[in-house]
């Protein structure tokens, strides 16, 4: 079934040297532009990948999750709302870019998170926070 009238029209098979030259030049120009765009995009990718950090997690790892405004119930978001919640264990790895996090039921949101919304959790140090006492007498006398 022809799409247009030109599909059923019988066109003469005349070769025009100027038209063929113009078509060849245009084809060459398009291939040059395509090659230059690919080289440029390759350079952009190298620059972007130079500061990219790959985050990989395993099931059972404790993570903090960032709940964006879209994941919170309406009216529960303000500038002062906590951004990262957790720690929660990862229950399943879908691929290197998506993980299922074991959230409590009250969060009422999807448990699947992109790696951009997951942060490694490191527990706070249990070390002694002992500070040396400052001798107030030496401060009053000018440090002598």
C-alpha atoms as a PDB file:
ATOM      1  CA  UNK A   1       0.000   0.000   0.000  1.00  0.00           C
ATOM      2  CA  UNK A   2       1.608   3.306  -1.033  1.00  0.00           C
ATOM      3  CA  UNK A   3       1.877   6.051   1.565  1.00  0.00           C
ATOM      4  CA  UNK A   4       1.825   8.973  -0.863  1.00  0.00           C
ATOM      5  CA  UNK A   5       1.099   9.630  -4.530  1.00  0.00           C
ATOM      6  CA  UNK A   6       4.843   9.836  -5.185  1.00  0.00           C
ATOM      7  CA  UNK A   7       5.167   6.188  -4.164  1.00  0.00           C
ATOM      8  CA  UNK A   8       3.110   5.117  -7.186  1.00  0.00           C
ATOM      9  CA  UNK A   9       4.383   7.787  -9.587  1.00  0.00           C
ATOM     10  CA  UNK A  10       6.882   6.706 -12.206  1.00  0.00           C
ATOM     11  CA  UNK A  11       9.822   9.076 -11.949  1.00  0.00           C
ATOM     12  CA  UNK A  12      12.427   9.386 -14.701  1.00  0.00           C
ATOM     13  CA  UNK A  13      15.850   7.852 -14.003  1.00  0.00           C
ATOM     14  CA  UNK A  14      17.851  10.893 -15.102  1.00  0.00           C
ATOM     15  CA  UNK A  15      21.181  11.502 -13.352  1.00  0.00           C
ATOM     16  CA  UNK A  16      22.092  15.126 -12.660  1.00  0.00           C
ATOM     17  CA  UNK A  17      25.792  15.590 -11.948  1.00  0.00           C
ATOM     18  CA  UNK A  18      25.333  18.789  -9.881  1.00  0.00           C
ATOM     19  CA  UNK A  19      22.548  17.227  -7.800  1.00  0.00           C
ATOM     20  CA  UNK A  20      24.642  14.119  -7.118  1.00  0.00           C
ATOM     21  CA  UNK A  21      27.609  16.286  -6.071  1.00  0.00           C
ATOM     22  CA  UNK A  22      25.412  18.354  -3.764  1.00  0.00           C
ATOM     23  CA  UNK A  23      23.907  15.200  -2.214  1.00  0.00           C
ATOM     24  CA  UNK A  24      27.381  13.720  -1.662  1.00  0.00           C
ATOM     25  CA  UNK A  25      28.617  16.950  -0.046  1.00  0.00           C
ATOM     26  CA  UNK A  26      25.554  17.052   2.211  1.00  0.00           C
ATOM     27  CA  UNK A  27      26.056  13.406   3.222  1.00  0.00           C
ATOM     28  CA  UNK A  28      29.720  14.111   4.015  1.00  0.00           C
ATOM     29  CA  UNK A  29      28.751  17.194   6.046  1.00  0.00           C
ATOM     30  CA  UNK A  30      26.225  15.176   8.069  1.00  0.00           C
ATOM     31  CA  UNK A  31      28.775  12.451   8.838  1.00  0.00           C
ATOM     32  CA  UNK A  32      31.336  15.099   9.928  1.00  0.00           C
ATOM     33  CA  UNK A  33      28.800  16.774  12.223  1.00  0.00           C
ATOM     34  CA  UNK A  34      27.779  13.393  13.682  1.00  0.00           C
ATOM     35  CA  UNK A  35      31.447  12.476  14.340  1.00  0.00           C
ATOM     36  CA  UNK A  36      32.153  15.872  15.985  1.00  0.00           C
ATOM     37  CA  UNK A  37      29.088  15.527  18.231  1.00  0.00           C
ATOM     38  CA  UNK A  38      30.158  12.036  19.313  1.00  0.00           C
ATOM     39  CA  UNK A  39      33.671  13.267  20.157  1.00  0.00           C
ATOM     40  CA  UNK A  40      32.254  16.226  22.079  1.00  0.00           C
ATOM     41  CA  UNK A  41      29.839  14.011  24.027  1.00  0.00           C
ATOM     42  CA  UNK A  42      32.668  11.595  24.828  1.00  0.00           C
ATOM     43  CA  UNK A  43      34.632  14.507  26.330  1.00  0.00           C
ATOM     44  CA  UNK A  44      31.622  15.618  28.392  1.00  0.00           C
ATOM     45  CA  UNK A  45      31.193  12.061  29.701  1.00  0.00           C
ATOM     46  CA  UNK A  46      34.854  11.829  30.736  1.00  0.00           C
ATOM     47  CA  UNK A  47      34.578  15.162  32.584  1.00  0.00           C
ATOM     48  CA  UNK A  48      31.361  14.118  34.346  1.00  0.00           C
ATOM     49  CA  UNK A  49      32.698  10.672  35.285  1.00  0.00           C
ATOM     50  CA  UNK A  50      35.893  12.106  36.759  1.00  0.00           C
ATOM     51  CA  UNK A  51      34.051  13.278  39.904  1.00  0.00           C
ATOM     52  CA  UNK A  52      31.427  10.536  40.061  1.00  0.00           C
ATOM     53  CA  UNK A  53      31.534   8.202  43.039  1.00  0.00           C
ATOM     54  CA  UNK A  54      30.084   4.752  42.689  1.00  0.00           C
ATOM     55  CA  UNK A  55      27.969   3.703  45.667  1.00  0.00           C
ATOM     56  CA  UNK A  56      27.445  -0.025  46.108  1.00  0.00           C
ATOM     57  CA  UNK A  57      25.525  -1.556  49.003  1.00  0.00           C
ATOM     58  CA  UNK A  58      24.832  -5.115  50.090  1.00  0.00           C
ATOM     59  CA  UNK A  59      21.658  -6.514  51.677  1.00  0.00           C
ATOM     60  CA  UNK A  60      21.884  -5.950  55.425  1.00  0.00           C
ATOM     61  CA  UNK A  61      23.890  -2.708  55.208  1.00  0.00           C
ATOM     62  CA  UNK A  62      22.513   0.124  57.335  1.00  0.00           C
ATOM     63  CA  UNK A  63      21.708   3.241  55.342  1.00  0.00           C
ATOM     64  CA  UNK A  64      20.050   6.628  55.697  1.00  0.00           C
ATOM     65  CA  UNK A  65      17.353   7.417  53.137  1.00  0.00           C
ATOM     66  CA  UNK A  66      16.449  10.832  51.820  1.00  0.00           C
ATOM     67  CA  UNK A  67      12.704  11.307  51.646  1.00  0.00           C
ATOM     68  CA  UNK A  68      11.932  13.892  49.014  1.00  0.00           C
ATOM     69  CA  UNK A  69       8.885  16.124  49.192  1.00  0.00           C
ATOM     70  CA  UNK A  70       6.999  13.842  46.785  1.00  0.00           C
ATOM     71  CA  UNK A  71       7.324  10.884  49.171  1.00  0.00           C
ATOM     72  CA  UNK A  72       5.943  12.716  52.222  1.00  0.00           C
ATOM     73  CA  UNK A  73       2.194  13.086  52.868  1.00  0.00           C
ATOM     74  CA  UNK A  74       0.747  16.456  51.772  1.00  0.00           C
ATOM     75  CA  UNK A  75       1.212  19.186  54.361  1.00  0.00           C
ATOM     76  CA  UNK A  76       4.062  17.427  56.171  1.00  0.00           C
ATOM     77  CA  UNK A  77       6.894  19.218  54.424  1.00  0.00           C
ATOM     78  CA  UNK A  78       8.666  22.387  55.426  1.00  0.00           C
ATOM     79  CA  UNK A  79      12.175  23.716  55.083  1.00  0.00           C
ATOM     80  CA  UNK A  80      12.958  22.509  58.588  1.00  0.00           C
ATOM     81  CA  UNK A  81      11.758  18.939  58.072  1.00  0.00           C
ATOM     82  CA  UNK A  82      14.392  16.278  58.549  1.00  0.00           C
ATOM     83  CA  UNK A  83      15.900  15.309  55.180  1.00  0.00           C
ATOM     84  CA  UNK A  84      17.563  11.971  55.972  1.00  0.00           C
ATOM     85  CA  UNK A  85      15.838   9.209  57.917  1.00  0.00           C
ATOM     86  CA  UNK A  86      17.316   6.058  59.328  1.00  0.00           C
ATOM     87  CA  UNK A  87      19.273   3.973  59.804  1.00  0.00           C
ATOM     88  CA  UNK A  88      17.389   1.225  57.967  1.00  0.00           C
ATOM     89  CA  UNK A  89      18.733  -2.058  56.605  1.00  0.00           C
ATOM     90  CA  UNK A  90      18.792  -2.788  52.893  1.00  0.00           C
ATOM     91  CA  UNK A  91      16.627  -5.829  52.274  1.00  0.00           C
ATOM     92  CA  UNK A  92      17.253  -6.412  48.557  1.00  0.00           C
ATOM     93  CA  UNK A  93      19.485  -5.203  45.747  1.00  0.00           C
ATOM     94  CA  UNK A  94      17.590  -4.736  42.486  1.00  0.00           C
ATOM     95  CA  UNK A  95      20.651  -3.561  40.532  1.00  0.00           C
ATOM     96  CA  UNK A  96      23.618  -1.253  41.140  1.00  0.00           C
ATOM     97  CA  UNK A  97      21.296   1.745  40.905  1.00  0.00           C
ATOM     98  CA  UNK A  98      18.214   0.665  42.899  1.00  0.00           C
ATOM     99  CA  UNK A  99      17.722  -0.941  46.304  1.00  0.00           C
ATOM    100  CA  UNK A 100      14.791  -2.021  48.455  1.00  0.00           C
ATOM    101  CA  UNK A 101      15.071  -0.585  51.972  1.00  0.00           C
ATOM    102  CA  UNK A 102      13.248  -2.098  54.949  1.00  0.00           C
ATOM    103  CA  UNK A 103      11.197   0.947  56.048  1.00  0.00           C
ATOM    104  CA  UNK A 104       8.694   0.937  58.923  1.00  0.00           C
ATOM    105  CA  UNK A 105       5.001   0.767  57.981  1.00  0.00           C
ATOM    106  CA  UNK A 106       4.262   4.327  59.142  1.00  0.00           C
ATOM    107  CA  UNK A 107       6.325   5.790  56.279  1.00  0.00           C
ATOM    108  CA  UNK A 108       3.593   4.683  53.870  1.00  0.00           C
ATOM    109  CA  UNK A 109       5.798   5.066  50.775  1.00  0.00           C
ATOM    110  CA  UNK A 110       7.553   2.859  48.264  1.00  0.00           C
ATOM    111  CA  UNK A 111      10.479   0.933  49.688  1.00  0.00           C
ATOM    112  CA  UNK A 112      12.476   1.108  46.456  1.00  0.00           C
ATOM    113  CA  UNK A 113      15.106   3.854  46.376  1.00  0.00           C
ATOM    114  CA  UNK A 114      17.527   5.116  43.778  1.00  0.00           C
ATOM    115  CA  UNK A 115      21.155   5.173  44.855  1.00  0.00           C
ATOM    116  CA  UNK A 116      21.084   9.003  44.816  1.00  0.00           C
ATOM    117  CA  UNK A 117      18.659   8.922  47.772  1.00  0.00           C
ATOM    118  CA  UNK A 118      20.660   6.425  49.872  1.00  0.00           C
ATOM    119  CA  UNK A 119      23.564   7.367  52.138  1.00  0.00           C
ATOM    120  CA  UNK A 120      25.944   5.110  54.047  1.00  0.00           C
ATOM    121  CA  UNK A 121      25.332   5.049  57.777  1.00  0.00           C
ATOM    122  CA  UNK A 122      28.272   5.140  60.133  1.00  0.00           C
ATOM    123  CA  UNK A 123      27.339   4.900  63.822  1.00  0.00           C
ATOM    124  CA  UNK A 124      28.534   7.673  66.125  1.00  0.00           C
ATOM    125  CA  UNK A 125      31.813   7.121  67.933  1.00  0.00           C
ATOM    126  CA  UNK A 126      31.468   5.687  71.419  1.00  0.00           C
ATOM    127  CA  UNK A 127      34.865   7.063  72.410  1.00  0.00           C
ATOM    128  CA  UNK A 128      35.500   9.280  75.400  1.00  0.00           C
ATOM    129  CA  UNK A 129      34.789  12.910  74.698  1.00  0.00           C
ATOM    130  CA  UNK A 130      37.101  14.132  77.425  1.00  0.00           C
ATOM    131  CA  UNK A 131      38.370  17.641  77.128  1.00  0.00           C
ATOM    132  CA  UNK A 132      41.252  19.071  79.043  1.00  0.00           C
ATOM    133  CA  UNK A 133      40.109  21.657  81.506  1.00  0.00           C
ATOM    134  CA  UNK A 134      41.328  25.125  80.782  1.00  0.00           C
ATOM    135  CA  UNK A 135      43.125  26.768  83.645  1.00  0.00           C
ATOM    136  CA  UNK A 136      41.142  29.938  84.256  1.00  0.00           C
ATOM    137  CA  UNK A 137      43.940  31.451  86.338  1.00  0.00           C
ATOM    138  CA  UNK A 138      46.307  31.485  83.361  1.00  0.00           C
ATOM    139  CA  UNK A 139      43.646  33.144  81.206  1.00  0.00           C
ATOM    140  CA  UNK A 140      43.088  35.908  83.731  1.00  0.00           C
ATOM    141  CA  UNK A 141      46.783  36.630  84.099  1.00  0.00           C
ATOM    142  CA  UNK A 142      47.213  37.061  80.355  1.00  0.00           C
ATOM    143  CA  UNK A 143      48.477  33.571  79.586  1.00  0.00           C
ATOM    144  CA  UNK A 144      51.819  33.942  81.375  1.00  0.00           C
END
